Amino acid sequence: MSVTEFPPLLTEDECQKYKVPLKWRDRCAAYFALFQTCLIRQSANSSVSCKHDKHAWEECENLDLIRRKQILKEAKAE
């Protein structure tokens, strides 16, 4: 599965519930929360693999970086 669009933004309460650090509270916080939840399950059961969740989060962060660079480029062009 590839990330083609950003998930809905998490509310402040959801960010606190999933213990999302301030530096990761961006458009991809939902993927980060899924990854952290998976890591917790993995610590209880070593047969759980979180590679897919980590990949989805990292891909979302990469797409967000590209989006922000494009916005910056457009702002400089004006």
PDB file of N, CA and C in Angstrom:
ATOM      1  N   MET A   1       0.837  -1.177   0.000  1.00  0.00           N
ATOM      2  CA  MET A   1       0.000   0.000   0.000  1.00  0.00           C
ATOM      3  C   MET A   1       0.881   1.239   0.000  1.00  0.00           C
ATOM      4  N   SER A   2       0.595   2.127  -0.893  1.00  0.00           N
ATOM      5  CA  SER A   2       1.349   3.371  -0.905  1.00  0.00           C
ATOM      6  C   SER A   2       0.447   4.495  -0.433  1.00  0.00           C
ATOM      7  N   VAL A   3       1.062   5.475   0.145  1.00  0.00           N
ATOM      8  CA  VAL A   3       0.333   6.617   0.676  1.00  0.00           C
ATOM      9  C   VAL A   3       0.100   7.578  -0.480  1.00  0.00           C
ATOM     10  N   THR A   4      -1.154   7.820  -0.818  1.00  0.00           N
ATOM     11  CA  THR A   4      -1.457   8.733  -1.920  1.00  0.00           C
ATOM     12  C   THR A   4      -2.071  10.034  -1.420  1.00  0.00           C
ATOM     13  N   GLU A   5      -2.705  10.004  -0.262  1.00  0.00           N
ATOM     14  CA  GLU A   5      -3.242  11.226   0.321  1.00  0.00           C
ATOM     15  C   GLU A   5      -3.059  11.160   1.828  1.00  0.00           C
ATOM     16  N   PHE A   6      -3.102  12.315   2.450  1.00  0.00           N
ATOM     17  CA  PHE A   6      -2.844  12.392   3.884  1.00  0.00           C
ATOM     18  C   PHE A   6      -4.073  11.966   4.677  1.00  0.00           C
ATOM     19  N   PRO A   7      -3.842  11.326   5.805  1.00  0.00           N
ATOM     20  CA  PRO A   7      -4.977  10.937   6.654  1.00  0.00           C
ATOM     21  C   PRO A   7      -5.558  12.175   7.340  1.00  0.00           C
ATOM     22  N   PRO A   8      -6.760  12.056   7.907  1.00  0.00           N
ATOM     23  CA  PRO A   8      -7.306  13.203   8.644  1.00  0.00           C
ATOM     24  C   PRO A   8      -6.401  13.548   9.832  1.00  0.00           C
ATOM     25  N   LEU A   9      -6.336  14.827  10.138  1.00  0.00           N
ATOM     26  CA  LEU A   9      -5.495  15.266  11.251  1.00  0.00           C
ATOM     27  C   LEU A   9      -6.028  14.741  12.573  1.00  0.00           C
ATOM     28  N   LEU A  10      -5.119  14.384  13.471  1.00  0.00           N
ATOM     29  CA  LEU A  10      -5.516  13.942  14.804  1.00  0.00           C
ATOM     30  C   LEU A  10      -5.842  15.159  15.663  1.00  0.00           C
ATOM     31  N   THR A  11      -6.806  15.005  16.535  1.00  0.00           N
ATOM     32  CA  THR A  11      -7.117  16.087  17.478  1.00  0.00           C
ATOM     33  C   THR A  11      -6.067  16.084  18.577  1.00  0.00           C
ATOM     34  N   GLU A  12      -6.055  17.138  19.359  1.00  0.00           N
ATOM     35  CA  GLU A  12      -5.105  17.235  20.475  1.00  0.00           C
ATOM     36  C   GLU A  12      -5.309  16.087  21.461  1.00  0.00           C
ATOM     37  N   ASP A  13      -6.563  15.733  21.730  1.00  0.00           N
ATOM     38  CA  ASP A  13      -6.856  14.627  22.651  1.00  0.00           C
ATOM     39  C   ASP A  13      -6.334  13.299  22.108  1.00  0.00           C
ATOM     40  N   GLU A  14      -6.490  13.085  20.798  1.00  0.00           N
ATOM     41  CA  GLU A  14      -5.991  11.848  20.198  1.00  0.00           C
ATOM     42  C   GLU A  14      -4.464  11.802  20.247  1.00  0.00           C
ATOM     43  N   CYS A  15      -3.827  12.933  20.006  1.00  0.00           N
ATOM     44  CA  CYS A  15      -2.360  12.980  20.083  1.00  0.00           C
ATOM     45  C   CYS A  15      -1.876  12.643  21.489  1.00  0.00           C
ATOM     46  N   GLN A  16      -2.574  13.136  22.496  1.00  0.00           N
ATOM     47  CA  GLN A  16      -2.205  12.817  23.866  1.00  0.00           C
ATOM     48  C   GLN A  16      -2.496  11.353  24.178  1.00  0.00           C
ATOM     49  N   LYS A  17      -3.611  10.832  23.675  1.00  0.00           N
ATOM     50  CA  LYS A  17      -3.978   9.434  23.915  1.00  0.00           C
ATOM     51  C   LYS A  17      -2.909   8.491  23.358  1.00  0.00           C
ATOM     52  N   TYR A  18      -2.442   8.771  22.139  1.00  0.00           N
ATOM     53  CA  TYR A  18      -1.438   7.918  21.499  1.00  0.00           C
ATOM     54  C   TYR A  18      -0.009   8.340  21.829  1.00  0.00           C
ATOM     55  N   LYS A  19       0.145   9.366  22.660  1.00  0.00           N
ATOM     56  CA  LYS A  19       1.452   9.855  23.115  1.00  0.00           C
ATOM     57  C   LYS A  19       2.361  10.230  21.938  1.00  0.00           C
ATOM     58  N   VAL A  20       1.796  11.004  21.026  1.00  0.00           N
ATOM     59  CA  VAL A  20       2.555  11.468  19.873  1.00  0.00           C
ATOM     60  C   VAL A  20       3.402  12.662  20.318  1.00  0.00           C
ATOM     61  N   PRO A  21       4.737  12.579  20.172  1.00  0.00           N
ATOM     62  CA  PRO A  21       5.589  13.714  20.567  1.00  0.00           C
ATOM     63  C   PRO A  21       5.265  14.955  19.736  1.00  0.00           C
ATOM     64  N   LEU A  22       5.536  16.117  20.288  1.00  0.00           N
ATOM     65  CA  LEU A  22       5.223  17.377  19.611  1.00  0.00           C
ATOM     66  C   LEU A  22       5.862  17.466  18.226  1.00  0.00           C
ATOM     67  N   LYS A  23       7.085  16.980  18.088  1.00  0.00           N
ATOM     68  CA  LYS A  23       7.756  17.120  16.795  1.00  0.00           C
ATOM     69  C   LYS A  23       7.131  16.254  15.706  1.00  0.00           C
ATOM     70  N   TRP A  24       6.307  15.278  16.063  1.00  0.00           N
ATOM     71  CA  TRP A  24       5.656  14.422  15.061  1.00  0.00           C
ATOM     72  C   TRP A  24       4.177  14.718  14.916  1.00  0.00           C
ATOM     73  N   ARG A  25       3.686  15.795  15.497  1.00  0.00           N
ATOM     74  CA  ARG A  25       2.272  16.155  15.381  1.00  0.00           C
ATOM     75  C   ARG A  25       2.060  16.978  14.115  1.00  0.00           C
ATOM     76  N   ASP A  26       2.047  16.277  13.007  1.00  0.00           N
ATOM     77  CA  ASP A  26       1.864  16.918  11.711  1.00  0.00           C
ATOM     78  C   ASP A  26       0.798  16.160  10.934  1.00  0.00           C
ATOM     79  N   ARG A  27       0.803  16.287   9.631  1.00  0.00           N
ATOM     80  CA  ARG A  27      -0.192  15.618   8.805  1.00  0.00           C
ATOM     81  C   ARG A  27      -0.097  14.095   8.892  1.00  0.00           C
ATOM     82  N   CYS A  28       1.025  13.578   9.300  1.00  0.00           N
ATOM     83  CA  CYS A  28       1.243  12.128   9.336  1.00  0.00           C
ATOM     84  C   CYS A  28       1.148  11.554  10.745  1.00  0.00           C
ATOM     85  N   ALA A  29       0.611  12.302  11.672  1.00  0.00           N
ATOM     86  CA  ALA A  29       0.529  11.842  13.063  1.00  0.00           C
ATOM     87  C   ALA A  29      -0.311  10.572  13.197  1.00  0.00           C
ATOM     88  N   ALA A  30      -1.316  10.409  12.335  1.00  0.00           N
ATOM     89  CA  ALA A  30      -2.149   9.205  12.400  1.00  0.00           C
ATOM     90  C   ALA A  30      -1.316   7.962  12.082  1.00  0.00           C
ATOM     91  N   TYR A  31      -0.433   8.061  11.094  1.00  0.00           N
ATOM     92  CA  TYR A  31       0.448   6.935  10.768  1.00  0.00           C
ATOM     93  C   TYR A  31       1.442   6.684  11.899  1.00  0.00           C
ATOM     94  N   PHE A  32       1.936   7.750  12.514  1.00  0.00           N
ATOM     95  CA  PHE A  32       2.852   7.600  13.643  1.00  0.00           C
ATOM     96  C   PHE A  32       2.156   6.879  14.794  1.00  0.00           C
ATOM     97  N   ALA A  33       0.897   7.242  15.061  1.00  0.00           N
ATOM     98  CA  ALA A  33       0.132   6.600  16.133  1.00  0.00           C
ATOM     99  C   ALA A  33      -0.060   5.109  15.842  1.00  0.00           C
ATOM    100  N   LEU A  34      -0.351   4.774  14.586  1.00  0.00           N
ATOM    101  CA  LEU A  34      -0.485   3.357  14.219  1.00  0.00           C
ATOM    102  C   LEU A  34       0.822   2.613  14.431  1.00  0.00           C
ATOM    103  N   PHE A  35       1.933   3.236  14.054  1.00  0.00           N
ATOM    104  CA  PHE A  35       3.245   2.616  14.215  1.00  0.00           C
ATOM    105  C   PHE A  35       3.566   2.413  15.693  1.00  0.00           C
ATOM    106  N   GLN A  36       3.304   3.407  16.525  1.00  0.00           N
ATOM    107  CA  GLN A  36       3.575   3.272  17.960  1.00  0.00           C
ATOM    108  C   GLN A  36       2.707   2.192  18.591  1.00  0.00           C
ATOM    109  N   THR A  37       1.436   2.112  18.178  1.00  0.00           N
ATOM    110  CA  THR A  37       0.549   1.080  18.681  1.00  0.00           C
ATOM    111  C   THR A  37       1.078  -0.301  18.293  1.00  0.00           C
ATOM    112  N   CYS A  38       1.565  -0.411  17.080  1.00  0.00           N
ATOM    113  CA  CYS A  38       2.134  -1.675  16.624  1.00  0.00           C
ATOM    114  C   CYS A  38       3.371  -2.045  17.450  1.00  0.00           C
ATOM    115  N   LEU A  39       4.211  -1.063  17.743  1.00  0.00           N
ATOM    116  CA  LEU A  39       5.413  -1.343  18.543  1.00  0.00           C
ATOM    117  C   LEU A  39       5.047  -1.849  19.942  1.00  0.00           C
ATOM    118  N   ILE A  40       3.976  -1.322  20.489  1.00  0.00           N
ATOM    119  CA  ILE A  40       3.521  -1.786  21.801  1.00  0.00           C
ATOM    120  C   ILE A  40       3.060  -3.235  21.702  1.00  0.00           C
ATOM    121  N   ARG A  41       2.289  -3.546  20.642  1.00  0.00           N
ATOM    122  CA  ARG A  41       1.867  -4.938  20.441  1.00  0.00           C
ATOM    123  C   ARG A  41       3.064  -5.842  20.203  1.00  0.00           C
ATOM    124  N   GLN A  42       4.072  -5.335  19.494  1.00  0.00           N
ATOM    125  CA  GLN A  42       5.258  -6.124  19.194  1.00  0.00           C
ATOM    126  C   GLN A  42       6.044  -6.443  20.464  1.00  0.00           C
ATOM    127  N   SER A  43       6.063  -5.509  21.413  1.00  0.00           N
ATOM    128  CA  SER A  43       6.792  -5.765  22.658  1.00  0.00           C
ATOM    129  C   SER A  43       6.108  -6.866  23.471  1.00  0.00           C
ATOM    130  N   ALA A  44       4.783  -7.015  23.301  1.00  0.00           N
ATOM    131  CA  ALA A  44       4.057  -8.061  24.011  1.00  0.00           C
ATOM    132  C   ALA A  44       4.093  -9.384  23.255  1.00  0.00           C
ATOM    133  N   ASN A  45       4.190  -9.311  21.926  1.00  0.00           N
ATOM    134  CA  ASN A  45       4.168 -10.508  21.098  1.00  0.00           C
ATOM    135  C   ASN A  45       5.206 -10.339  19.997  1.00  0.00           C
ATOM    136  N   SER A  46       6.310 -11.037  20.094  1.00  0.00           N
ATOM    137  CA  SER A  46       7.419 -10.819  19.174  1.00  0.00           C
ATOM    138  C   SER A  46       7.122 -11.254  17.741  1.00  0.00           C
ATOM    139  N   SER A  47       6.019 -11.940  17.500  1.00  0.00           N
ATOM    140  CA  SER A  47       5.713 -12.376  16.138  1.00  0.00           C
ATOM    141  C   SER A  47       5.062 -11.269  15.308  1.00  0.00           C
ATOM    142  N   VAL A  48       4.715 -10.144  15.934  1.00  0.00           N
ATOM    143  CA  VAL A  48       4.091  -9.024  15.226  1.00  0.00           C
ATOM    144  C   VAL A  48       5.176  -8.236  14.493  1.00  0.00           C
ATOM    145  N   SER A  49       4.923  -7.908  13.228  1.00  0.00           N
ATOM    146  CA  SER A  49       5.871  -7.118  12.446  1.00  0.00           C
ATOM    147  C   SER A  49       5.297  -5.729  12.191  1.00  0.00           C
ATOM    148  N   CYS A  50       6.102  -4.704  12.428  1.00  0.00           N
ATOM    149  CA  CYS A  50       5.647  -3.317  12.270  1.00  0.00           C
ATOM    150  C   CYS A  50       6.273  -2.648  11.050  1.00  0.00           C
ATOM    151  N   LYS A  51       6.899  -3.428  10.186  1.00  0.00           N
ATOM    152  CA  LYS A  51       7.574  -2.847   9.024  1.00  0.00           C
ATOM    153  C   LYS A  51       6.617  -2.075   8.127  1.00  0.00           C
ATOM    154  N   HIS A  52       5.428  -2.629   7.914  1.00  0.00           N
ATOM    155  CA  HIS A  52       4.456  -1.971   7.040  1.00  0.00           C
ATOM    156  C   HIS A  52       4.016  -0.632   7.629  1.00  0.00           C
ATOM    157  N   ASP A  53       3.734  -0.602   8.924  1.00  0.00           N
ATOM    158  CA  ASP A  53       3.303   0.645   9.568  1.00  0.00           C
ATOM    159  C   ASP A  53       4.417   1.689   9.541  1.00  0.00           C
ATOM    160  N   LYS A  54       5.641   1.251   9.762  1.00  0.00           N
ATOM    161  CA  LYS A  54       6.767   2.185   9.729  1.00  0.00           C
ATOM    162  C   LYS A  54       6.960   2.726   8.314  1.00  0.00           C
ATOM    163  N   HIS A  55       6.827   1.868   7.325  1.00  0.00           N
ATOM    164  CA  HIS A  55       6.990   2.296   5.941  1.00  0.00           C
ATOM    165  C   HIS A  55       5.909   3.314   5.548  1.00  0.00           C
ATOM    166  N   ALA A  56       4.669   3.056   5.952  1.00  0.00           N
ATOM    167  CA  ALA A  56       3.570   3.979   5.638  1.00  0.00           C
ATOM    168  C   ALA A  56       3.822   5.338   6.283  1.00  0.00           C
ATOM    169  N   TRP A  57       4.300   5.347   7.531  1.00  0.00           N
ATOM    170  CA  TRP A  57       4.583   6.608   8.223  1.00  0.00           C
ATOM    171  C   TRP A  57       5.722   7.359   7.525  1.00  0.00           C
ATOM    172  N   GLU A  58       6.810   6.648   7.199  1.00  0.00           N
ATOM    173  CA  GLU A  58       7.944   7.296   6.554  1.00  0.00           C
ATOM    174  C   GLU A  58       7.579   7.816   5.165  1.00  0.00           C
ATOM    175  N   GLU A  59       6.753   7.069   4.429  1.00  0.00           N
ATOM    176  CA  GLU A  59       6.324   7.516   3.109  1.00  0.00           C
ATOM    177  C   GLU A  59       5.454   8.768   3.213  1.00  0.00           C
ATOM    178  N   CYS A  60       4.586   8.802   4.207  1.00  0.00           N
ATOM    179  CA  CYS A  60       3.751   9.982   4.433  1.00  0.00           C
ATOM    180  C   CYS A  60       4.623  11.194   4.774  1.00  0.00           C
ATOM    181  N   GLU A  61       5.614  11.004   5.623  1.00  0.00           N
ATOM    182  CA  GLU A  61       6.528  12.105   5.979  1.00  0.00           C
ATOM    183  C   GLU A  61       7.265  12.606   4.743  1.00  0.00           C
ATOM    184  N   ASN A  62       7.674  11.689   3.870  1.00  0.00           N
ATOM    185  CA  ASN A  62       8.372  12.079   2.645  1.00  0.00           C
ATOM    186  C   ASN A  62       7.453  12.886   1.734  1.00  0.00           C
ATOM    187  N   LEU A  63       6.203  12.437   1.562  1.00  0.00           N
ATOM    188  CA  LEU A  63       5.247  13.176   0.741  1.00  0.00           C
ATOM    189  C   LEU A  63       4.958  14.558   1.333  1.00  0.00           C
ATOM    190  N   ASP A  64       4.901  14.648   2.646  1.00  0.00           N
ATOM    191  CA  ASP A  64       4.664  15.936   3.294  1.00  0.00           C
ATOM    192  C   ASP A  64       5.847  16.875   3.076  1.00  0.00           C
ATOM    193  N   LEU A  65       7.051  16.336   3.115  1.00  0.00           N
ATOM    194  CA  LEU A  65       8.240  17.145   2.854  1.00  0.00           C
ATOM    195  C   LEU A  65       8.211  17.688   1.429  1.00  0.00           C
ATOM    196  N   ILE A  66       7.860  16.844   0.482  1.00  0.00           N
ATOM    197  CA  ILE A  66       7.764  17.282  -0.911  1.00  0.00           C
ATOM    198  C   ILE A  66       6.704  18.368  -1.052  1.00  0.00           C
ATOM    199  N   ARG A  67       5.559  18.188  -0.389  1.00  0.00           N
ATOM    200  CA  ARG A  67       4.480  19.168  -0.433  1.00  0.00           C
ATOM    201  C   ARG A  67       4.941  20.511   0.135  1.00  0.00           C
ATOM    202  N   ARG A  68       5.650  20.471   1.280  1.00  0.00           N
ATOM    203  CA  ARG A  68       6.121  21.714   1.893  1.00  0.00           C
ATOM    204  C   ARG A  68       7.169  22.408   1.033  1.00  0.00           C
ATOM    205  N   LYS A  69       8.039  21.641   0.373  1.00  0.00           N
ATOM    206  CA  LYS A  69       9.037  22.231  -0.521  1.00  0.00           C
ATOM    207  C   LYS A  69       8.364  22.911  -1.703  1.00  0.00           C
ATOM    208  N   GLN A  70       7.307  22.285  -2.223  1.00  0.00           N
ATOM    209  CA  GLN A  70       6.573  22.872  -3.343  1.00  0.00           C
ATOM    210  C   GLN A  70       5.915  24.182  -2.932  1.00  0.00           C
ATOM    211  N   ILE A  71       5.330  24.220  -1.743  1.00  0.00           N
ATOM    212  CA  ILE A  71       4.702  25.451  -1.244  1.00  0.00           C
ATOM    213  C   ILE A  71       5.747  26.544  -1.075  1.00  0.00           C
ATOM    214  N   LEU A  72       6.914  26.184  -0.554  1.00  0.00           N
ATOM    215  CA  LEU A  72       7.996  27.159  -0.391  1.00  0.00           C
ATOM    216  C   LEU A  72       8.469  27.687  -1.735  1.00  0.00           C
ATOM    217  N   LYS A  73       8.605  26.794  -2.703  1.00  0.00           N
ATOM    218  CA  LYS A  73       9.033  27.212  -4.038  1.00  0.00           C
ATOM    219  C   LYS A  73       8.015  28.175  -4.658  1.00  0.00           C
ATOM    220  N   GLU A  74       6.732  27.878  -4.492  1.00  0.00           N
ATOM    221  CA  GLU A  74       5.695  28.766  -5.028  1.00  0.00           C
ATOM    222  C   GLU A  74       5.691  30.111  -4.322  1.00  0.00           C
ATOM    223  N   ALA A  75       5.940  30.111  -3.025  1.00  0.00           N
ATOM    224  CA  ALA A  75       5.975  31.368  -2.280  1.00  0.00           C
ATOM    225  C   ALA A  75       7.174  32.221  -2.709  1.00  0.00           C
ATOM    226  N   LYS A  76       8.294  31.598  -2.991  1.00  0.00           N
ATOM    227  CA  LYS A  76       9.473  32.341  -3.436  1.00  0.00           C
ATOM    228  C   LYS A  76       9.272  32.891  -4.838  1.00  0.00           C
ATOM    229  N   ALA A  77       8.519  32.176  -5.658  1.00  0.00           N
ATOM    230  CA  ALA A  77       8.282  32.613  -7.042  1.00  0.00           C
ATOM    231  C   ALA A  77       7.392  33.841  -7.100  1.00  0.00           C
ATOM    232  N   GLU A  78       6.554  34.037  -6.103  1.00  0.00           N
ATOM    233  CA  GLU A  78       5.639  35.195  -6.092  1.00  0.00           C
ATOM    234  C   GLU A  78       6.331  36.491  -5.773  1.00  0.00           C
TER     235      GLU A  78
END
